[in-house]
Amino acid sequence: MKNKIGKILIILGWIFVIISFLMVLYTYYEVNNAYIIANEVLNKVDLMIDRQQFENLEEVEILGEKYIGIIEVPSLNVRLPILKDCNDENLKIAPCKYYSTKNNNAPIIIAGHNYPKFFGNIKYLKKGDSISLSSLNGNEHRYIVDKIEMISSEDIDKMINTEYEFSIFSCNYSKDKRITVRCIKEEI
């Protein structure tokens, strides 16, 4: 009887090892696919900007998705396109506009997945680091990191009701908090 239970436990152990391995492979595939798509979109947007095709455009459709600009975080070596609509599927492709309005006083908030080459390392930003946001027509806005805070994933009001002009955020690995980087406009 003990021998039979031991064999069953060994088989179950191997099943869990195989499932874990498959989950790691899927995650690697998902992250790698996101990097490939983001780079392809960046190349197309850069080419269009070089050709000055965006003079009055606020968004452009590439590969079936609408993009509104580019975000750069030099200290993290991050340069990514920004999707217009924020949802779970889009977050697997690129950072997304989480919140903004036409009101000039309203904050701009960008959400990004915690993939290492997306917003996975924003917790390492320091006060004074720069982040730039470029619209498709070439207008660039520069911001300076002022504060990094942890916000509950349930506290949407705290995320959007802020005195900061610009914020980026990503979930932590347990997905119960949002690592939020608050920024002020750089004076030029």
C-alpha atoms as a PDB file:
ATOM      1  CA  MET A   1       0.000   0.000   0.000  1.00  0.00           C
ATOM      2  CA  LYS A   2       2.817   2.441   0.913  1.00  0.00           C
ATOM      3  CA  ASN A   3       4.555   1.591  -2.355  1.00  0.00           C
ATOM      4  CA  LYS A   4       1.400   2.409  -4.334  1.00  0.00           C
ATOM      5  CA  ILE A   5       0.888   5.768  -2.544  1.00  0.00           C
ATOM      6  CA  GLY A   6       4.559   6.628  -3.113  1.00  0.00           C
ATOM      7  CA  LYS A   7       4.239   5.981  -6.858  1.00  0.00           C
ATOM      8  CA  ILE A   8       1.088   8.119  -7.038  1.00  0.00           C
ATOM      9  CA  LEU A   9       2.840  10.969  -5.211  1.00  0.00           C
ATOM     10  CA  ILE A  10       5.841  10.743  -7.555  1.00  0.00           C
ATOM     11  CA  ILE A  11       3.550  10.843 -10.602  1.00  0.00           C
ATOM     12  CA  LEU A  12       1.672  13.838  -9.159  1.00  0.00           C
ATOM     13  CA  GLY A  13       4.986  15.562  -8.461  1.00  0.00           C
ATOM     14  CA  TRP A  14       6.087  15.097 -12.066  1.00  0.00           C
ATOM     15  CA  ILE A  15       2.737  16.377 -13.324  1.00  0.00           C
ATOM     16  CA  PHE A  16       3.173  19.551 -11.231  1.00  0.00           C
ATOM     17  CA  VAL A  17       6.744  19.987 -12.506  1.00  0.00           C
ATOM     18  CA  ILE A  18       5.574  19.648 -16.116  1.00  0.00           C
ATOM     19  CA  ILE A  19       2.687  22.089 -15.569  1.00  0.00           C
ATOM     20  CA  SER A  20       5.055  24.596 -13.960  1.00  0.00           C
ATOM     21  CA  PHE A  21       7.500  24.254 -16.845  1.00  0.00           C
ATOM     22  CA  LEU A  22       4.692  24.813 -19.372  1.00  0.00           C
ATOM     23  CA  MET A  23       3.547  27.912 -17.474  1.00  0.00           C
ATOM     24  CA  VAL A  24       7.082  29.336 -17.560  1.00  0.00           C
ATOM     25  CA  LEU A  25       7.300  28.634 -21.305  1.00  0.00           C
ATOM     26  CA  TYR A  26       3.952  30.341 -21.913  1.00  0.00           C
ATOM     27  CA  THR A  27       5.000  33.400 -19.902  1.00  0.00           C
ATOM     28  CA  TYR A  28       8.279  33.586 -21.836  1.00  0.00           C
ATOM     29  CA  TYR A  29       6.334  33.348 -25.103  1.00  0.00           C
ATOM     30  CA  GLU A  30       3.884  36.070 -24.010  1.00  0.00           C
ATOM     31  CA  VAL A  31       6.638  38.463 -22.910  1.00  0.00           C
ATOM     32  CA  ASN A  32       8.762  37.830 -26.001  1.00  0.00           C
ATOM     33  CA  ASN A  33       5.739  38.344 -28.264  1.00  0.00           C
ATOM     34  CA  ALA A  34       5.000  41.662 -26.540  1.00  0.00           C
ATOM     35  CA  TYR A  35       8.582  42.860 -27.144  1.00  0.00           C
ATOM     36  CA  ILE A  36       8.400  41.884 -30.818  1.00  0.00           C
ATOM     37  CA  ILE A  37       5.080  43.691 -31.379  1.00  0.00           C
ATOM     38  CA  ALA A  38       6.189  46.808 -29.461  1.00  0.00           C
ATOM     39  CA  ASN A  39       9.394  47.058 -31.514  1.00  0.00           C
ATOM     40  CA  GLU A  40       7.518  46.545 -34.777  1.00  0.00           C
ATOM     41  CA  VAL A  41       5.082  49.328 -33.864  1.00  0.00           C
ATOM     42  CA  LEU A  42       7.919  51.643 -32.768  1.00  0.00           C
ATOM     43  CA  ASN A  43       9.675  51.118 -36.103  1.00  0.00           C
ATOM     44  CA  LYS A  44       6.493  51.981 -38.022  1.00  0.00           C
ATOM     45  CA  VAL A  45       5.752  55.042 -35.862  1.00  0.00           C
ATOM     46  CA  ASP A  46       9.348  56.292 -36.152  1.00  0.00           C
ATOM     47  CA  LEU A  47       9.203  55.917 -39.925  1.00  0.00           C
ATOM     48  CA  MET A  48       5.920  57.837 -40.068  1.00  0.00           C
ATOM     49  CA  ILE A  49       7.308  60.597 -37.822  1.00  0.00           C
ATOM     50  CA  ASP A  50      10.437  60.835 -40.003  1.00  0.00           C
ATOM     51  CA  ARG A  51       8.185  61.272 -43.027  1.00  0.00           C
ATOM     52  CA  GLN A  52       6.105  63.827 -41.065  1.00  0.00           C
ATOM     53  CA  GLN A  53       2.895  61.886 -41.656  1.00  0.00           C
ATOM     54  CA  PHE A  54       1.393  62.786 -38.272  1.00  0.00           C
ATOM     55  CA  GLU A  55       1.034  66.554 -38.507  1.00  0.00           C
ATOM     56  CA  ASN A  56      -2.507  66.697 -37.084  1.00  0.00           C
ATOM     57  CA  LEU A  57      -3.032  63.077 -36.082  1.00  0.00           C
ATOM     58  CA  GLU A  58      -3.880  62.196 -32.499  1.00  0.00           C
ATOM     59  CA  GLU A  59      -3.850  58.433 -33.068  1.00  0.00           C
ATOM     60  CA  VAL A  60      -2.774  55.899 -35.658  1.00  0.00           C
ATOM     61  CA  GLU A  61      -3.876  52.331 -36.234  1.00  0.00           C
ATOM     62  CA  ILE A  62      -1.068  49.795 -36.553  1.00  0.00           C
ATOM     63  CA  LEU A  63      -1.595  46.030 -36.557  1.00  0.00           C
ATOM     64  CA  GLY A  64      -5.251  46.558 -35.672  1.00  0.00           C
ATOM     65  CA  GLU A  65      -4.628  48.665 -32.542  1.00  0.00           C
ATOM     66  CA  LYS A  66      -4.757  52.439 -32.009  1.00  0.00           C
ATOM     67  CA  TYR A  67      -1.592  54.139 -30.740  1.00  0.00           C
ATOM     68  CA  ILE A  68      -1.326  57.685 -29.416  1.00  0.00           C
ATOM     69  CA  GLY A  69       2.376  58.262 -28.774  1.00  0.00           C
ATOM     70  CA  ILE A  70       5.662  57.060 -27.323  1.00  0.00           C
ATOM     71  CA  ILE A  71       6.941  56.903 -23.756  1.00  0.00           C
ATOM     72  CA  GLU A  72      10.653  56.943 -22.936  1.00  0.00           C
ATOM     73  CA  VAL A  73      12.278  56.192 -19.595  1.00  0.00           C
ATOM     74  CA  PRO A  74      16.011  56.636 -20.311  1.00  0.00           C
ATOM     75  CA  SER A  75      17.298  55.409 -16.942  1.00  0.00           C
ATOM     76  CA  LEU A  76      15.517  52.072 -17.514  1.00  0.00           C
ATOM     77  CA  ASN A  77      16.307  51.905 -21.238  1.00  0.00           C
ATOM     78  CA  VAL A  78      12.567  51.828 -22.009  1.00  0.00           C
ATOM     79  CA  ARG A  79      11.073  53.242 -25.201  1.00  0.00           C
ATOM     80  CA  LEU A  80       7.605  51.988 -26.056  1.00  0.00           C
ATOM     81  CA  PRO A  81       4.508  52.936 -28.020  1.00  0.00           C
ATOM     82  CA  ILE A  82       1.390  53.872 -26.044  1.00  0.00           C
ATOM     83  CA  LEU A  83      -1.948  52.276 -26.850  1.00  0.00           C
ATOM     84  CA  LYS A  84      -5.059  54.442 -26.758  1.00  0.00           C
ATOM     85  CA  ASP A  85      -7.310  51.944 -24.963  1.00  0.00           C
ATOM     86  CA  CYS A  86      -6.427  50.242 -21.694  1.00  0.00           C
ATOM     87  CA  ASN A  87      -7.538  46.636 -21.242  1.00  0.00           C
ATOM     88  CA  ASP A  88      -5.935  43.319 -20.299  1.00  0.00           C
ATOM     89  CA  GLU A  89      -5.197  42.297 -23.893  1.00  0.00           C
ATOM     90  CA  ASN A  90      -3.655  45.657 -24.832  1.00  0.00           C
ATOM     91  CA  LEU A  91      -1.465  45.666 -21.713  1.00  0.00           C
ATOM     92  CA  LYS A  92       0.134  42.476 -23.077  1.00  0.00           C
ATOM     93  CA  ILE A  93       1.193  44.466 -26.170  1.00  0.00           C
ATOM     94  CA  ALA A  94       2.348  47.865 -24.869  1.00  0.00           C
ATOM     95  CA  PRO A  95       1.689  50.457 -22.152  1.00  0.00           C
ATOM     96  CA  CYS A  96      -1.785  52.009 -22.369  1.00  0.00           C
ATOM     97  CA  LYS A  97      -3.415  55.335 -21.614  1.00  0.00           C
ATOM     98  CA  TYR A  98      -5.175  54.579 -18.339  1.00  0.00           C
ATOM     99  CA  TYR A  99      -6.585  58.023 -17.723  1.00  0.00           C
ATOM    100  CA  SER A 100      -6.550  61.487 -19.251  1.00  0.00           C
ATOM    101  CA  THR A 101      -9.035  64.040 -20.440  1.00  0.00           C
ATOM    102  CA  LYS A 102      -8.991  67.038 -22.753  1.00  0.00           C
ATOM    103  CA  ASN A 103      -8.868  69.188 -19.606  1.00  0.00           C
ATOM    104  CA  ASN A 104      -5.341  70.632 -19.379  1.00  0.00           C
ATOM    105  CA  ASN A 105      -5.380  70.343 -15.584  1.00  0.00           C
ATOM    106  CA  ALA A 106      -6.277  66.632 -15.551  1.00  0.00           C
ATOM    107  CA  PRO A 107      -3.462  64.155 -14.965  1.00  0.00           C
ATOM    108  CA  ILE A 108      -2.158  61.813 -17.647  1.00  0.00           C
ATOM    109  CA  ILE A 109      -1.776  58.263 -16.348  1.00  0.00           C
ATOM    110  CA  ILE A 110      -0.114  55.443 -18.270  1.00  0.00           C
ATOM    111  CA  ALA A 111      -0.429  51.786 -17.210  1.00  0.00           C
ATOM    112  CA  GLY A 112       2.122  49.179 -18.239  1.00  0.00           C
ATOM    113  CA  HIS A 113       2.612  45.478 -17.661  1.00  0.00           C
ATOM    114  CA  ASN A 114       5.354  44.474 -15.249  1.00  0.00           C
ATOM    115  CA  TYR A 115       7.405  42.782 -17.973  1.00  0.00           C
ATOM    116  CA  PRO A 116      11.110  43.608 -17.425  1.00  0.00           C
ATOM    117  CA  LYS A 117      11.383  45.668 -20.637  1.00  0.00           C
ATOM    118  CA  PHE A 118       8.035  47.402 -20.018  1.00  0.00           C
ATOM    119  CA  PHE A 119       7.290  48.829 -16.544  1.00  0.00           C
ATOM    120  CA  GLY A 120       8.657  45.921 -14.502  1.00  0.00           C
ATOM    121  CA  ASN A 121      11.572  47.992 -13.209  1.00  0.00           C
ATOM    122  CA  ILE A 122       9.848  51.297 -12.434  1.00  0.00           C
ATOM    123  CA  LYS A 123      10.339  50.591  -8.730  1.00  0.00           C
ATOM    124  CA  TYR A 124      14.035  51.382  -9.324  1.00  0.00           C
ATOM    125  CA  LEU A 125      13.375  54.900 -10.586  1.00  0.00           C
ATOM    126  CA  LYS A 126      14.687  57.677  -8.371  1.00  0.00           C
ATOM    127  CA  LYS A 127      13.502  61.168  -7.655  1.00  0.00           C
ATOM    128  CA  GLY A 128      14.883  63.359 -10.447  1.00  0.00           C
ATOM    129  CA  ASP A 129      14.881  60.677 -13.172  1.00  0.00           C
ATOM    130  CA  SER A 130      13.288  61.821 -16.420  1.00  0.00           C
ATOM    131  CA  ILE A 131      10.415  60.400 -18.424  1.00  0.00           C
ATOM    132  CA  SER A 132       9.299  61.799 -21.762  1.00  0.00           C
ATOM    133  CA  LEU A 133       5.990  61.493 -23.505  1.00  0.00           C
ATOM    134  CA  SER A 134       5.809  62.201 -27.233  1.00  0.00           C
ATOM    135  CA  SER A 135       2.600  62.614 -29.175  1.00  0.00           C
ATOM    136  CA  LEU A 136       2.398  61.475 -32.782  1.00  0.00           C
ATOM    137  CA  ASN A 137       2.734  65.018 -34.109  1.00  0.00           C
ATOM    138  CA  GLY A 138       6.175  65.290 -32.521  1.00  0.00           C
ATOM    139  CA  ASN A 139       5.253  67.303 -29.417  1.00  0.00           C
ATOM    140  CA  GLU A 140       7.387  66.096 -26.540  1.00  0.00           C
ATOM    141  CA  HIS A 141       6.619  66.603 -22.874  1.00  0.00           C
ATOM    142  CA  ARG A 142       9.293  65.922 -20.287  1.00  0.00           C
ATOM    143  CA  TYR A 143       8.602  64.954 -16.728  1.00  0.00           C
ATOM    144  CA  ILE A 144      10.717  64.441 -13.630  1.00  0.00           C
ATOM    145  CA  VAL A 145      10.059  61.656 -11.119  1.00  0.00           C
ATOM    146  CA  ASP A 146       8.986  63.212  -7.826  1.00  0.00           C
ATOM    147  CA  LYS A 147       7.606  60.285  -5.842  1.00  0.00           C
ATOM    148  CA  ILE A 148       7.056  56.525  -5.986  1.00  0.00           C
ATOM    149  CA  GLU A 149       4.149  55.114  -4.033  1.00  0.00           C
ATOM    150  CA  MET A 150       2.283  51.849  -3.603  1.00  0.00           C
ATOM    151  CA  ILE A 151      -1.465  52.066  -4.190  1.00  0.00           C
ATOM    152  CA  SER A 152      -3.977  49.317  -3.558  1.00  0.00           C
ATOM    153  CA  SER A 153      -5.261  47.771  -6.772  1.00  0.00           C
ATOM    154  CA  GLU A 154      -8.774  48.601  -5.549  1.00  0.00           C
ATOM    155  CA  ASP A 155      -8.085  52.311  -4.911  1.00  0.00           C
ATOM    156  CA  ILE A 156      -8.830  53.825  -8.315  1.00  0.00           C
ATOM    157  CA  ASP A 157      -9.722  57.206  -6.780  1.00  0.00           C
ATOM    158  CA  LYS A 158      -6.261  57.552  -5.265  1.00  0.00           C
ATOM    159  CA  MET A 159      -4.715  56.690  -8.633  1.00  0.00           C
ATOM    160  CA  ILE A 160      -6.567  59.319 -10.657  1.00  0.00           C
ATOM    161  CA  ASN A 161      -7.276  62.028  -8.073  1.00  0.00           C
ATOM    162  CA  THR A 162      -3.776  63.386  -7.804  1.00  0.00           C
ATOM    163  CA  GLU A 163      -2.082  66.764  -7.984  1.00  0.00           C
ATOM    164  CA  TYR A 164       0.632  65.250 -10.200  1.00  0.00           C
ATOM    165  CA  GLU A 165       0.449  66.014 -13.908  1.00  0.00           C
ATOM    166  CA  PHE A 166       1.797  62.668 -15.041  1.00  0.00           C
ATOM    167  CA  SER A 167       1.983  59.174 -13.568  1.00  0.00           C
ATOM    168  CA  ILE A 168       2.943  55.707 -14.713  1.00  0.00           C
ATOM    169  CA  PHE A 169       2.136  52.497 -12.903  1.00  0.00           C
ATOM    170  CA  SER A 170       2.411  48.736 -12.988  1.00  0.00           C
ATOM    171  CA  CYS A 171       1.205  45.984 -10.721  1.00  0.00           C
ATOM    172  CA  ASN A 172       3.505  44.253  -8.260  1.00  0.00           C
ATOM    173  CA  TYR A 173       3.976  40.505  -8.675  1.00  0.00           C
ATOM    174  CA  SER A 174       1.179  39.599  -6.264  1.00  0.00           C
ATOM    175  CA  LYS A 175      -1.084  42.047  -8.170  1.00  0.00           C
ATOM    176  CA  ASP A 176      -2.563  43.545  -4.996  1.00  0.00           C
ATOM    177  CA  LYS A 177      -0.677  46.853  -5.285  1.00  0.00           C
ATOM    178  CA  ARG A 178       0.205  49.283  -8.050  1.00  0.00           C
ATOM    179  CA  ILE A 179       3.745  50.647  -8.109  1.00  0.00           C
ATOM    180  CA  THR A 180       2.995  54.241  -9.058  1.00  0.00           C
ATOM    181  CA  VAL A 181       5.532  56.806 -10.217  1.00  0.00           C
ATOM    182  CA  ARG A 182       4.337  60.395  -9.806  1.00  0.00           C
ATOM    183  CA  CYS A 183       5.963  63.064 -11.953  1.00  0.00           C
ATOM    184  CA  ILE A 184       6.081  66.821 -12.318  1.00  0.00           C
ATOM    185  CA  LYS A 185       6.586  68.679 -15.587  1.00  0.00           C
ATOM    186  CA  GLU A 186      10.204  69.514 -16.337  1.00  0.00           C
ATOM    187  CA  GLU A 187      10.844  73.219 -16.652  1.00  0.00           C
ATOM    188  CA  ILE A 188      12.813  73.908 -19.820  1.00  0.00           C
END
